[in-house]
Structure formats: structure tokens, C-alpha cells
C-alpha atoms as a PDB file:
ATOM      1  CA  UNK A   1     -13.898  -9.410 -10.258  1.00  0.00           C
ATOM      2  CA  UNK A   2     -10.217 -10.169 -10.764  1.00  0.00           C
ATOM      3  CA  UNK A   3      -9.005 -13.624  -9.898  1.00  0.00           C
ATOM      4  CA  UNK A   4      -5.731 -15.407 -10.345  1.00  0.00           C
ATOM      5  CA  UNK A   5      -4.936 -18.769 -11.858  1.00  0.00           C
ATOM      6  CA  UNK A   6      -2.792 -21.249  -9.975  1.00  0.00           C
ATOM      7  CA  UNK A   7       0.596 -22.404 -11.211  1.00  0.00           C
ATOM      8  CA  UNK A   8       1.920 -25.385  -9.341  1.00  0.00           C
ATOM      9  CA  UNK A   9       5.561 -25.288 -10.377  1.00  0.00           C
ATOM     10  CA  UNK A  10       7.707 -22.182 -10.217  1.00  0.00           C
ATOM     11  CA  UNK A  11      11.305 -22.541 -11.340  1.00  0.00           C
ATOM     12  CA  UNK A  12      13.958 -20.840  -9.237  1.00  0.00           C
ATOM     13  CA  UNK A  13      14.969 -18.823 -12.295  1.00  0.00           C
ATOM     14  CA  UNK A  14      11.551 -17.206 -12.200  1.00  0.00           C
ATOM     15  CA  UNK A  15      12.065 -15.776  -8.746  1.00  0.00           C
ATOM     16  CA  UNK A  16      12.011 -12.028  -9.134  1.00  0.00           C
ATOM     17  CA  UNK A  17      13.029  -9.212  -6.881  1.00  0.00           C
ATOM     18  CA  UNK A  18      11.108  -6.314  -5.461  1.00  0.00           C
ATOM     19  CA  UNK A  19      12.171  -2.872  -6.584  1.00  0.00           C
ATOM     20  CA  UNK A  20      11.390   0.691  -5.604  1.00  0.00           C
ATOM     21  CA  UNK A  21       7.651   1.188  -6.215  1.00  0.00           C
ATOM     22  CA  UNK A  22       8.533   4.453  -7.959  1.00  0.00           C
ATOM     23  CA  UNK A  23       9.912   2.335 -10.794  1.00  0.00           C
ATOM     24  CA  UNK A  24       7.775  -0.799 -10.405  1.00  0.00           C
ATOM     25  CA  UNK A  25       6.414  -2.214 -13.658  1.00  0.00           C
ATOM     26  CA  UNK A  26       4.404  -5.325 -12.742  1.00  0.00           C
ATOM     27  CA  UNK A  27       1.868  -5.032  -9.891  1.00  0.00           C
ATOM     28  CA  UNK A  28       0.598  -8.547  -9.224  1.00  0.00           C
ATOM     29  CA  UNK A  29      -2.846  -8.880  -7.626  1.00  0.00           C
ATOM     30  CA  UNK A  30      -3.239 -11.942  -5.412  1.00  0.00           C
ATOM     31  CA  UNK A  31      -6.606 -13.070  -4.029  1.00  0.00           C
ATOM     32  CA  UNK A  32      -6.432 -12.420  -0.293  1.00  0.00           C
ATOM     33  CA  UNK A  33      -8.890 -15.212   0.458  1.00  0.00           C
ATOM     34  CA  UNK A  34      -6.474 -17.796  -0.964  1.00  0.00           C
ATOM     35  CA  UNK A  35      -3.490 -17.850   1.359  1.00  0.00           C
ATOM     36  CA  UNK A  36      -1.927 -20.771  -0.497  1.00  0.00           C
ATOM     37  CA  UNK A  37      -1.235 -18.452  -3.439  1.00  0.00           C
ATOM     38  CA  UNK A  38       0.813 -15.944  -1.466  1.00  0.00           C
ATOM     39  CA  UNK A  39       4.026 -17.987  -1.569  1.00  0.00           C
ATOM     40  CA  UNK A  40       3.701 -18.472  -5.316  1.00  0.00           C
ATOM     41  CA  UNK A  41       3.330 -14.728  -5.746  1.00  0.00           C
ATOM     42  CA  UNK A  42       6.409 -14.131  -3.576  1.00  0.00           C
ATOM     43  CA  UNK A  43       8.415 -16.347  -5.933  1.00  0.00           C
ATOM     44  CA  UNK A  44       7.097 -14.619  -9.041  1.00  0.00           C
ATOM     45  CA  UNK A  45       8.716 -12.022 -11.258  1.00  0.00           C
ATOM     46  CA  UNK A  46       6.406  -9.322  -9.921  1.00  0.00           C
ATOM     47  CA  UNK A  47       8.062  -6.022  -9.066  1.00  0.00           C
ATOM     48  CA  UNK A  48       5.328  -5.487  -6.469  1.00  0.00           C
ATOM     49  CA  UNK A  49       2.984  -8.074  -4.907  1.00  0.00           C
ATOM     50  CA  UNK A  50      -0.448  -6.659  -4.068  1.00  0.00           C
ATOM     51  CA  UNK A  51      -2.555  -8.821  -1.754  1.00  0.00           C
ATOM     52  CA  UNK A  52      -6.143  -8.134  -2.762  1.00  0.00           C
ATOM     53  CA  UNK A  53      -8.892  -7.906  -0.147  1.00  0.00           C
ATOM     54  CA  UNK A  54     -11.174  -5.831  -2.354  1.00  0.00           C
ATOM     55  CA  UNK A  55     -12.500  -6.878  -5.763  1.00  0.00           C
ATOM     56  CA  UNK A  56     -11.245 -10.462  -5.714  1.00  0.00           C
ATOM     57  CA  UNK A  57     -12.962 -11.249  -2.389  1.00  0.00           C
ATOM     58  CA  UNK A  58     -16.673 -11.877  -1.825  1.00  0.00           C
ATOM     59  CA  UNK A  59     -18.251  -9.922   1.061  1.00  0.00           C
ATOM     60  CA  UNK A  60     -18.593 -13.057   3.197  1.00  0.00           C
ATOM     61  CA  UNK A  61     -14.845 -13.692   2.860  1.00  0.00           C
ATOM     62  CA  UNK A  62     -13.592 -10.189   3.632  1.00  0.00           C
ATOM     63  CA  UNK A  63     -12.706 -10.848   7.275  1.00  0.00           C
ATOM     64  CA  UNK A  64     -10.764 -14.102   6.723  1.00  0.00           C
ATOM     65  CA  UNK A  65      -8.994 -12.536   3.727  1.00  0.00           C
ATOM     66  CA  UNK A  66      -7.917  -9.595   5.883  1.00  0.00           C
ATOM     67  CA  UNK A  67      -6.677 -12.020   8.541  1.00  0.00           C
ATOM     68  CA  UNK A  68      -4.700 -13.894   5.874  1.00  0.00           C
ATOM     69  CA  UNK A  69      -3.012 -10.687   4.791  1.00  0.00           C
ATOM     70  CA  UNK A  70      -2.101  -9.645   8.341  1.00  0.00           C
ATOM     71  CA  UNK A  71      -0.745 -13.132   9.018  1.00  0.00           C
ATOM     72  CA  UNK A  72       1.397 -12.981   5.872  1.00  0.00           C
ATOM     73  CA  UNK A  73       2.720  -9.476   6.452  1.00  0.00           C
ATOM     74  CA  UNK A  74       3.770 -10.251  10.007  1.00  0.00           C
ATOM     75  CA  UNK A  75       5.252 -13.722   9.374  1.00  0.00           C
ATOM     76  CA  UNK A  76       8.915 -14.590   8.989  1.00  0.00           C
ATOM     77  CA  UNK A  77       8.798 -16.962   6.042  1.00  0.00           C
ATOM     78  CA  UNK A  78      12.554 -17.285   5.901  1.00  0.00           C
ATOM     79  CA  UNK A  79      12.326 -19.440   9.059  1.00  0.00           C
ATOM     80  CA  UNK A  80       9.238 -21.357   7.947  1.00  0.00           C
ATOM     81  CA  UNK A  81       9.115 -25.134   7.824  1.00  0.00           C
ATOM     82  CA  UNK A  82       6.111 -25.180   5.510  1.00  0.00           C
ATOM     83  CA  UNK A  83       7.260 -26.324   2.058  1.00  0.00           C
ATOM     84  CA  UNK A  84       5.132 -23.614   0.424  1.00  0.00           C
ATOM     85  CA  UNK A  85       6.663 -20.871   2.535  1.00  0.00           C
ATOM     86  CA  UNK A  86      10.268 -22.019   2.892  1.00  0.00           C
ATOM     87  CA  UNK A  87      13.078 -20.094   1.201  1.00  0.00           C
ATOM     88  CA  UNK A  88      10.941 -17.105   0.269  1.00  0.00           C
ATOM     89  CA  UNK A  89      11.081 -13.597   1.689  1.00  0.00           C
ATOM     90  CA  UNK A  90       8.770 -12.562   4.486  1.00  0.00           C
ATOM     91  CA  UNK A  91       5.620 -10.707   3.586  1.00  0.00           C
ATOM     92  CA  UNK A  92       6.851  -7.433   5.074  1.00  0.00           C
ATOM     93  CA  UNK A  93       6.926  -4.863   2.314  1.00  0.00           C
ATOM     94  CA  UNK A  94       4.174  -6.387   0.208  1.00  0.00           C
ATOM     95  CA  UNK A  95       1.278  -4.124  -0.727  1.00  0.00           C
ATOM     96  CA  UNK A  96      -2.455  -4.541  -0.137  1.00  0.00           C
ATOM     97  CA  UNK A  97      -5.418  -3.482  -2.251  1.00  0.00           C
ATOM     98  CA  UNK A  98      -7.969  -2.313   0.289  1.00  0.00           C
ATOM     99  CA  UNK A  99     -11.671  -1.642   0.048  1.00  0.00           C
ATOM    100  CA  UNK A 100     -12.782   1.801  -1.038  1.00  0.00           C
ATOM    101  CA  UNK A 101     -13.570   4.763   1.179  1.00  0.00           C
ATOM    102  CA  UNK A 102     -17.177   4.587   2.361  1.00  0.00           C
ATOM    103  CA  UNK A 103     -17.465   0.800   2.188  1.00  0.00           C
ATOM    104  CA  UNK A 104     -18.177  -1.186   5.372  1.00  0.00           C
ATOM    105  CA  UNK A 105     -14.628  -2.592   5.338  1.00  0.00           C
ATOM    106  CA  UNK A 106     -12.429   0.453   4.679  1.00  0.00           C
ATOM    107  CA  UNK A 107     -11.854   1.564   8.283  1.00  0.00           C
ATOM    108  CA  UNK A 108     -11.231  -1.966   9.555  1.00  0.00           C
ATOM    109  CA  UNK A 109      -8.805  -2.650   6.690  1.00  0.00           C
ATOM    110  CA  UNK A 110      -6.753   0.384   7.697  1.00  0.00           C
ATOM    111  CA  UNK A 111      -6.903  -0.436  11.399  1.00  0.00           C
ATOM    112  CA  UNK A 112      -5.581  -3.945  10.754  1.00  0.00           C
ATOM    113  CA  UNK A 113      -2.818  -2.782   8.411  1.00  0.00           C
ATOM    114  CA  UNK A 114      -1.679  -0.039  10.786  1.00  0.00           C
ATOM    115  CA  UNK A 115      -0.169  -2.773  12.966  1.00  0.00           C
ATOM    116  CA  UNK A 116       1.782  -4.420  10.121  1.00  0.00           C
ATOM    117  CA  UNK A 117       4.899  -3.577   8.061  1.00  0.00           C
ATOM    118  CA  UNK A 118       2.797  -3.112   4.921  1.00  0.00           C
ATOM    119  CA  UNK A 119       4.738  -1.683   1.993  1.00  0.00           C
ATOM    120  CA  UNK A 120       1.855   0.405   0.698  1.00  0.00           C
ATOM    121  CA  UNK A 121      -1.808   0.279  -0.183  1.00  0.00           C
ATOM    122  CA  UNK A 122      -3.728   0.405  -3.433  1.00  0.00           C
ATOM    123  CA  UNK A 123      -6.934   2.250  -2.582  1.00  0.00           C
ATOM    124  CA  UNK A 124      -9.900   1.097  -4.661  1.00  0.00           C
ATOM    125  CA  UNK A 125     -12.602   3.283  -6.214  1.00  0.00           C
ATOM    126  CA  UNK A 126     -10.967   6.654  -5.578  1.00  0.00           C
ATOM    127  CA  UNK A 127     -13.336   9.436  -6.628  1.00  0.00           C
ATOM    128  CA  UNK A 128     -12.194  12.444  -4.634  1.00  0.00           C
ATOM    129  CA  UNK A 129      -9.297  13.959  -2.723  1.00  0.00           C
ATOM    130  CA  UNK A 130     -10.925  13.020   0.588  1.00  0.00           C
ATOM    131  CA  UNK A 131     -10.675   9.331  -0.214  1.00  0.00           C
ATOM    132  CA  UNK A 132      -6.886   9.620  -0.312  1.00  0.00           C
ATOM    133  CA  UNK A 133      -6.358  12.122   2.487  1.00  0.00           C
ATOM    134  CA  UNK A 134      -8.584  10.282   4.957  1.00  0.00           C
ATOM    135  CA  UNK A 135      -6.755   7.040   4.168  1.00  0.00           C
ATOM    136  CA  UNK A 136      -3.386   8.759   4.612  1.00  0.00           C
ATOM    137  CA  UNK A 137      -4.425  10.053   8.043  1.00  0.00           C
ATOM    138  CA  UNK A 138      -5.021   6.509   9.245  1.00  0.00           C
ATOM    139  CA  UNK A 139      -1.879   5.099   7.625  1.00  0.00           C
ATOM    140  CA  UNK A 140       0.695   7.888   7.958  1.00  0.00           C
ATOM    141  CA  UNK A 141       3.880   7.518   5.913  1.00  0.00           C
ATOM    142  CA  UNK A 142       2.447   4.606   3.928  1.00  0.00           C
ATOM    143  CA  UNK A 143       2.403   5.223   0.148  1.00  0.00           C
ATOM    144  CA  UNK A 144      -1.009   5.119  -1.515  1.00  0.00           C
ATOM    145  CA  UNK A 145      -1.689   4.168  -5.107  1.00  0.00           C
ATOM    146  CA  UNK A 146      -4.997   5.795  -6.031  1.00  0.00           C
ATOM    147  CA  UNK A 147      -6.959   3.341  -8.175  1.00  0.00           C
ATOM    148  CA  UNK A 148      -9.327   5.445 -10.286  1.00  0.00           C
ATOM    149  CA  UNK A 149     -12.117   3.316 -11.750  1.00  0.00           C
ATOM    150  CA  UNK A 150     -15.102   5.542 -12.558  1.00  0.00           C
ATOM    151  CA  UNK A 151     -16.079   8.521 -14.697  1.00  0.00           C
ATOM    152  CA  UNK A 152     -16.477  10.573 -11.534  1.00  0.00           C
ATOM    153  CA  UNK A 153     -12.929   9.710 -10.497  1.00  0.00           C
ATOM    154  CA  UNK A 154     -11.538  10.510 -13.934  1.00  0.00           C
ATOM    155  CA  UNK A 155     -13.179  13.941 -13.882  1.00  0.00           C
ATOM    156  CA  UNK A 156     -11.297  14.674 -10.637  1.00  0.00           C
ATOM    157  CA  UNK A 157      -8.052  12.936 -11.475  1.00  0.00           C
ATOM    158  CA  UNK A 158      -5.890  16.065 -11.418  1.00  0.00           C
ATOM    159  CA  UNK A 159      -7.085  16.864  -7.900  1.00  0.00           C
ATOM    160  CA  UNK A 160      -6.564  13.247  -6.823  1.00  0.00           C
ATOM    161  CA  UNK A 161      -3.035  13.239  -8.246  1.00  0.00           C
ATOM    162  CA  UNK A 162      -2.206  16.396  -6.284  1.00  0.00           C
ATOM    163  CA  UNK A 163      -3.717  15.131  -3.026  1.00  0.00           C
ATOM    164  CA  UNK A 164      -1.424  14.827  -0.030  1.00  0.00           C
ATOM    165  CA  UNK A 165      -0.727  11.122   0.229  1.00  0.00           C
ATOM    166  CA  UNK A 166      -1.120  10.100  -3.422  1.00  0.00           C
ATOM    167  CA  UNK A 167       1.981   8.157  -4.459  1.00  0.00           C
ATOM    168  CA  UNK A 168       0.975   6.912  -7.925  1.00  0.00           C
ATOM    169  CA  UNK A 169      -2.182   6.681 -10.010  1.00  0.00           C
ATOM    170  CA  UNK A 170      -3.579   3.399 -11.361  1.00  0.00           C
ATOM    171  CA  UNK A 171      -6.254   2.831 -13.989  1.00  0.00           C
ATOM    172  CA  UNK A 172      -9.024   0.411 -12.976  1.00  0.00           C
ATOM    173  CA  UNK A 173     -10.043  -0.477 -16.516  1.00  0.00           C
ATOM    174  CA  UNK A 174     -12.656  -3.146 -15.784  1.00  0.00           C
ATOM    175  CA  UNK A 175     -14.807  -1.061 -13.477  1.00  0.00           C
ATOM    176  CA  UNK A 176     -14.272   2.043 -15.604  1.00  0.00           C
ATOM    177  CA  UNK A 177     -15.625   0.256 -18.652  1.00  0.00           C
ATOM    178  CA  UNK A 178     -18.590  -1.028 -16.664  1.00  0.00           C
ATOM    179  CA  UNK A 179     -19.269   2.463 -15.374  1.00  0.00           C
ATOM    180  CA  UNK A 180     -19.036   4.169 -18.761  1.00  0.00           C
ATOM    181  CA  UNK A 181     -20.079   1.439 -21.200  1.00  0.00           C
ATOM    182  CA  UNK A 182     -16.792   1.837 -23.095  1.00  0.00           C
ATOM    183  CA  UNK A 183     -15.249  -1.008 -25.066  1.00  0.00           C
ATOM    184  CA  UNK A 184     -11.672  -2.190 -24.679  1.00  0.00           C
ATOM    185  CA  UNK A 185     -10.280  -0.815 -27.948  1.00  0.00           C
ATOM    186  CA  UNK A 186      -7.160   1.281 -27.210  1.00  0.00           C
ATOM    187  CA  UNK A 187      -8.622   4.139 -29.239  1.00  0.00           C
ATOM    188  CA  UNK A 188     -11.760   4.101 -27.086  1.00  0.00           C
ATOM    189  CA  UNK A 189      -9.708   4.390 -23.900  1.00  0.00           C
ATOM    190  CA  UNK A 190      -7.137   6.812 -25.321  1.00  0.00           C
ATOM    191  CA  UNK A 191      -8.668   9.855 -23.653  1.00  0.00           C
ATOM    192  CA  UNK A 192      -8.780   8.163 -20.242  1.00  0.00           C
ATOM    193  CA  UNK A 193      -5.191   6.923 -20.434  1.00  0.00           C
ATOM    194  CA  UNK A 194      -4.017  10.353 -21.547  1.00  0.00           C
ATOM    195  CA  UNK A 195      -5.695  11.946 -18.520  1.00  0.00           C
ATOM    196  CA  UNK A 196      -3.813   9.583 -16.184  1.00  0.00           C
ATOM    197  CA  UNK A 197      -0.432  10.370 -17.723  1.00  0.00           C
ATOM    198  CA  UNK A 198      -0.992  14.127 -17.833  1.00  0.00           C
ATOM    199  CA  UNK A 199      -2.324  14.284 -14.263  1.00  0.00           C
ATOM    200  CA  UNK A 200       0.629  12.270 -12.926  1.00  0.00           C
ATOM    201  CA  UNK A 201       3.156  14.409 -14.773  1.00  0.00           C
ATOM    202  CA  UNK A 202       1.542  17.672 -13.685  1.00  0.00           C
ATOM    203  CA  UNK A 203       1.552  16.542 -10.040  1.00  0.00           C
ATOM    204  CA  UNK A 204       5.210  15.408 -10.225  1.00  0.00           C
ATOM    205  CA  UNK A 205       4.263  11.792  -9.550  1.00  0.00           C
ATOM    206  CA  UNK A 206       5.872   8.723 -11.074  1.00  0.00           C
ATOM    207  CA  UNK A 207       4.114   7.680 -14.264  1.00  0.00           C
ATOM    208  CA  UNK A 208       0.733   5.997 -13.965  1.00  0.00           C
ATOM    209  CA  UNK A 209       0.022   2.261 -13.692  1.00  0.00           C
ATOM    210  CA  UNK A 210      -2.152   0.837 -16.461  1.00  0.00           C
ATOM    211  CA  UNK A 211      -4.981  -1.599 -15.823  1.00  0.00           C
ATOM    212  CA  UNK A 212      -4.782  -5.360 -16.325  1.00  0.00           C
ATOM    213  CA  UNK A 213      -5.171  -7.471 -19.433  1.00  0.00           C
ATOM    214  CA  UNK A 214      -7.511 -10.430 -19.028  1.00  0.00           C
ATOM    215  CA  UNK A 215      -6.415 -13.712 -20.583  1.00  0.00           C
ATOM    216  CA  UNK A 216      -3.225 -15.674 -21.064  1.00  0.00           C
ATOM    217  CA  UNK A 217      -2.458 -14.869 -24.723  1.00  0.00           C
ATOM    218  CA  UNK A 218       1.178 -13.799 -24.945  1.00  0.00           C
ATOM    219  CA  UNK A 219       0.471 -11.777 -28.068  1.00  0.00           C
ATOM    220  CA  UNK A 220      -2.490  -9.997 -26.497  1.00  0.00           C
ATOM    221  CA  UNK A 221      -0.458  -9.157 -23.390  1.00  0.00           C
ATOM    222  CA  UNK A 222       2.461  -7.910 -25.463  1.00  0.00           C
ATOM    223  CA  UNK A 223       0.182  -5.685 -27.538  1.00  0.00           C
ATOM    224  CA  UNK A 224      -1.556  -4.343 -24.430  1.00  0.00           C
ATOM    225  CA  UNK A 225       1.766  -3.525 -22.762  1.00  0.00           C
ATOM    226  CA  UNK A 226       2.882  -1.711 -25.903  1.00  0.00           C
ATOM    227  CA  UNK A 227      -0.271   0.410 -25.604  1.00  0.00           C
ATOM    228  CA  UNK A 228       0.690   1.275 -22.015  1.00  0.00           C
ATOM    229  CA  UNK A 229       4.109   2.411 -23.219  1.00  0.00           C
ATOM    230  CA  UNK A 230       2.553   4.448 -26.033  1.00  0.00           C
ATOM    231  CA  UNK A 231       0.535   6.395 -23.478  1.00  0.00           C
ATOM    232  CA  UNK A 232       3.508   7.026 -21.207  1.00  0.00           C
ATOM    233  CA  UNK A 233       2.459   4.564 -18.496  1.00  0.00           C
ATOM    234  CA  UNK A 234       5.326   2.747 -16.788  1.00  0.00           C
ATOM    235  CA  UNK A 235       3.461   0.158 -14.698  1.00  0.00           C
ATOM    236  CA  UNK A 236       0.744  -2.402 -15.299  1.00  0.00           C
ATOM    237  CA  UNK A 237      -1.499  -4.459 -13.038  1.00  0.00           C
ATOM    238  CA  UNK A 238      -1.046  -8.209 -13.532  1.00  0.00           C
ATOM    239  CA  UNK A 239      -3.602 -10.891 -12.771  1.00  0.00           C
ATOM    240  CA  UNK A 240      -1.394 -14.000 -12.849  1.00  0.00           C
ATOM    241  CA  UNK A 241       2.266 -14.613 -12.000  1.00  0.00           C
ATOM    242  CA  UNK A 242       3.039 -15.614 -15.583  1.00  0.00           C
ATOM    243  CA  UNK A 243       2.001 -12.153 -16.813  1.00  0.00           C
ATOM    244  CA  UNK A 244       4.759 -10.442 -14.830  1.00  0.00           C
ATOM    245  CA  UNK A 245       7.795 -11.360 -16.933  1.00  0.00           C
ATOM    246  CA  UNK A 246       6.355 -10.191 -20.286  1.00  0.00           C
ATOM    247  CA  UNK A 247       5.006  -7.020 -18.670  1.00  0.00           C
ATOM    248  CA  UNK A 248       8.420  -6.302 -17.162  1.00  0.00           C
ATOM    249  CA  UNK A 249      10.048  -6.886 -20.529  1.00  0.00           C
ATOM    250  CA  UNK A 250       7.569  -4.668 -22.336  1.00  0.00           C
ATOM    251  CA  UNK A 251       8.034  -1.813 -19.854  1.00  0.00           C
ATOM    252  CA  UNK A 252      11.837  -2.027 -19.795  1.00  0.00           C
ATOM    253  CA  UNK A 253      13.979   0.024 -22.198  1.00  0.00           C
ATOM    254  CA  UNK A 254      14.800  -2.055 -25.257  1.00  0.00           C
ATOM    255  CA  UNK A 255      18.310  -2.800 -26.464  1.00  0.00           C
ATOM    256  CA  UNK A 256      17.683  -0.433 -29.370  1.00  0.00           C
ATOM    257  CA  UNK A 257      16.749   2.362 -26.949  1.00  0.00           C
ATOM    258  CA  UNK A 258      19.798   1.682 -24.777  1.00  0.00           C
ATOM    259  CA  UNK A 259      22.030   1.661 -27.854  1.00  0.00           C
ATOM    260  CA  UNK A 260      20.595   4.978 -29.007  1.00  0.00           C
ATOM    261  CA  UNK A 261      21.123   6.525 -25.560  1.00  0.00           C
ATOM    262  CA  UNK A 262      24.748   5.390 -25.334  1.00  0.00           C
ATOM    263  CA  UNK A 263      25.483   6.502 -28.894  1.00  0.00           C
ATOM    264  CA  UNK A 264      23.873   9.877 -28.240  1.00  0.00           C
ATOM    265  CA  UNK A 265      26.036  10.504 -25.174  1.00  0.00           C
ATOM    266  CA  UNK A 266      29.161   9.342 -27.038  1.00  0.00           C
ATOM    267  CA  UNK A 267      28.400  11.802 -29.839  1.00  0.00           C
ATOM    268  CA  UNK A 268      27.538  14.554 -27.381  1.00  0.00           C
ATOM    269  CA  UNK A 269      30.821  14.139 -25.491  1.00  0.00           C
ATOM    270  CA  UNK A 270      32.783  13.951 -28.743  1.00  0.00           C
ATOM    271  CA  UNK A 271      31.344  17.368 -29.658  1.00  0.00           C
ATOM    272  CA  UNK A 272      32.617  18.878 -26.437  1.00  0.00           C
ATOM    273  CA  UNK A 273      29.703  18.089 -24.111  1.00  0.00           C
ATOM    274  CA  UNK A 274      28.057  21.449 -24.677  1.00  0.00           C
ATOM    275  CA  UNK A 275      24.456  22.191 -25.657  1.00  0.00           C
ATOM    276  CA  UNK A 276      24.439  22.565 -29.432  1.00  0.00           C
ATOM    277  CA  UNK A 277      20.792  23.341 -30.177  1.00  0.00           C
ATOM    278  CA  UNK A 278      17.287  23.242 -28.712  1.00  0.00           C
ATOM    279  CA  UNK A 279      16.909  19.509 -29.266  1.00  0.00           C
ATOM    280  CA  UNK A 280      19.829  18.559 -27.037  1.00  0.00           C
ATOM    281  CA  UNK A 281      18.100  19.129 -23.690  1.00  0.00           C
ATOM    282  CA  UNK A 282      15.099  16.840 -24.354  1.00  0.00           C
ATOM    283  CA  UNK A 283      17.401  14.235 -25.892  1.00  0.00           C
ATOM    284  CA  UNK A 284      19.704  14.374 -22.869  1.00  0.00           C
ATOM    285  CA  UNK A 285      16.685  13.907 -20.593  1.00  0.00           C
ATOM    286  CA  UNK A 286      15.394  10.967 -22.641  1.00  0.00           C
ATOM    287  CA  UNK A 287      18.791   9.264 -22.898  1.00  0.00           C
ATOM    288  CA  UNK A 288      19.443   9.736 -19.170  1.00  0.00           C
ATOM    289  CA  UNK A 289      16.048   8.282 -18.298  1.00  0.00           C
ATOM    290  CA  UNK A 290      16.605   5.245 -20.549  1.00  0.00           C
ATOM    291  CA  UNK A 291      19.980   4.430 -18.988  1.00  0.00           C
ATOM    292  CA  UNK A 292      18.744   5.035 -15.443  1.00  0.00           C
ATOM    293  CA  UNK A 293      15.799   2.697 -15.950  1.00  0.00           C
ATOM    294  CA  UNK A 294      17.989   0.059 -17.589  1.00  0.00           C
ATOM    295  CA  UNK A 295      20.281   0.146 -14.567  1.00  0.00           C
ATOM    296  CA  UNK A 296      17.374   0.006 -12.126  1.00  0.00           C
ATOM    297  CA  UNK A 297      15.893  -2.997 -13.934  1.00  0.00           C
ATOM    298  CA  UNK A 298      19.198  -4.840 -14.139  1.00  0.00           C
ATOM    299  CA  UNK A 299      19.595  -4.680 -17.917  1.00  0.00           C
ATOM    300  CA  UNK A 300      23.284  -5.440 -18.401  1.00  0.00           C
ATOM    301  CA  UNK A 301      25.480  -7.084 -20.952  1.00  0.00           C
ATOM    302  CA  UNK A 302      28.957  -6.904 -22.448  1.00  0.00           C
ATOM    303  CA  UNK A 303      27.949  -4.407 -25.105  1.00  0.00           C
ATOM    304  CA  UNK A 304      25.127  -2.621 -23.326  1.00  0.00           C
ATOM    305  CA  UNK A 305      26.203  -2.526 -19.694  1.00  0.00           C
ATOM    306  CA  UNK A 306      24.953   0.537 -17.865  1.00  0.00           C
ATOM    307  CA  UNK A 307      27.303   2.551 -15.674  1.00  0.00           C
ATOM    308  CA  UNK A 308      26.293   1.629 -12.072  1.00  0.00           C
ATOM    309  CA  UNK A 309      27.429   5.055 -10.911  1.00  0.00           C
ATOM    310  CA  UNK A 310      25.121   6.910 -13.237  1.00  0.00           C
ATOM    311  CA  UNK A 311      22.892   9.332 -11.341  1.00  0.00           C
ATOM    312  CA  UNK A 312      19.170   8.617 -11.249  1.00  0.00           C
ATOM    313  CA  UNK A 313      16.870  10.761 -13.365  1.00  0.00           C
ATOM    314  CA  UNK A 314      15.000  13.252 -11.162  1.00  0.00           C
ATOM    315  CA  UNK A 315      11.702  12.621 -12.959  1.00  0.00           C
ATOM    316  CA  UNK A 316      11.737   8.979 -11.914  1.00  0.00           C
ATOM    317  CA  UNK A 317      12.989   9.178  -8.353  1.00  0.00           C
ATOM    318  CA  UNK A 318      10.055  10.719  -6.540  1.00  0.00           C
ATOM    319  CA  UNK A 319      10.000   9.278  -3.037  1.00  0.00           C
ATOM    320  CA  UNK A 320       7.055   9.354  -0.689  1.00  0.00           C
END
């Protein structure tokens, strides 16, 4: 199961901001049974905080973990006197990873969350369209990230991506490897990652969210995030708050990419702003996407500042 390490000191400079889940890079899982970690997660650099009442929580702790999550989502932490909760945003808008369809906890999870301002849910162990659609019926207008974690789910991933209610796809690497016996080599998982990206694109969803990297090695995390980028994935599940910043960095357009995009548009405009050959359209799309993402992620600077009035790229502004 996934668990999170505790960090006792979080500098104010590390306080992140939540962004549109369409563009979210770091999805931080927080053990729902450990309420004292929620405030730390709220101060983290995570694009999205996901309170976990599924894999991180033992069966005997499911009910108290669910109660913790409801308490957090419905609390006004801005008015809190508790030192751990003071000066942090309320839990409204945070996401929850819920137990899978068919488990003893799924229906009660949804019933509890239906009375909260939950930002969205990450549905575990999705293996069919019904898992998503039945969840969406009980939580109307709440975005659902379908966490696909088994061979059976992967075989149906195109259908799952097209299901009414699916907002994004996420790759549950740990359980998938246990189910299939696969190793963790990127080449071994290349087929699976490719299926996620292709299914998301075909269904007009935002790009898929890659699974987590276990361990605290900065090099290992950087290499793993580069693999996510190579396979067209634009999000990644994080297991500790300190993983969020490097994941965000790895999934953000680089200065070199931003420079290329700006230089391309300068050249294009200098040539009259008209399509010159068949390569211009894909290059325009790529350059537009790079600059839009840089703006969304707050990448600015004297030389590389992104025009705040630049229109968002259609491929990355799907809204539930």
C-alpha cells in the first residue's frame, strides 16, 4: 500500500497553489487515517491534494479515515486556531481517492462525499465502464479520475476513457505490476503507458496521470518523471510532499522549449504569418501548447515571460 512520510517543517516558500485539474501535474496522496498530515499536504507544492481512503488505509480504519476526510473538506481552516491548521486554505476543493466499485466501502464513501464540497474523486481499481458511470450517478457533476490498475482494466481502457463521467485516466503501477508480474523497467511498462496516452487522446481527455515512484532519490524521481513525459503523460501521482516540486518541474515546459516556441512564432510572423508548408500546423500546435502550459504553471521571467493574454490550447482545456 502507499504511505506517506512525515516532514515536520515546511517553509512558506514551499506553499504551492492548486490549479485546474485539467493541467495538474502533481497529485499528492495523503493517508486519510492520519489527519495530522492533511495540513502539511495543504502547504505542499502539490497541484492537487488527494486524501486517500483506499489503498493507504487498513480495513479496520476505513470508517475513521472517511470521517477525517469529511471533517477536513467541510472545515474552514482559515479561521482555525490550531497551529497545524492556521493560515492554510480550507479543505474544500481537495480530491479523495475512494474505494473501488464492488467493495464494501464504495457506496458509503460516495454517500459521505455527496454532502461535501469535494473537488473530485480518484476511483480505484476501475475495470469497466460501469465502475465510472455508477460512481458518476451518485456524485453528479464531480470529476472522476479513473485509476486503472489491472490487466482487465487495461484491456478496456478505451471504453473507460470514453465513459460518461471519466475526467482523466491514471495508471496504478503498483497494483498493475502485482496483477501482471511485470517489472518496473520503463521498457516493460511501455505498452501499458502507451495505451493510457492513446486512449486519453482518442477520447478527447486531458493527458493521463502516471503512477508514483517509490523512494526519495532525487535522481530516480527525475528519471521517472522524464519517462512520463516521453510517453505523453502530463501528471504523476506523488507519495510524499517533497516529491511534488521535482515532479512539477519535470512536467513543466523547459526554458529551451519555451525559447523554441517564442522563436518559432517570431519567425512565423516575420514570414507573414501564413502557413508555409505541412510542418507549420503541428509546429504551431506544439508551440502554442508549450506557451499555454508555461503561462498556466507560472513560468515567467524577463527573457521568457509568457503573454498573459495568450489563448489556451484547446487540447488542454477540456472541462468536465
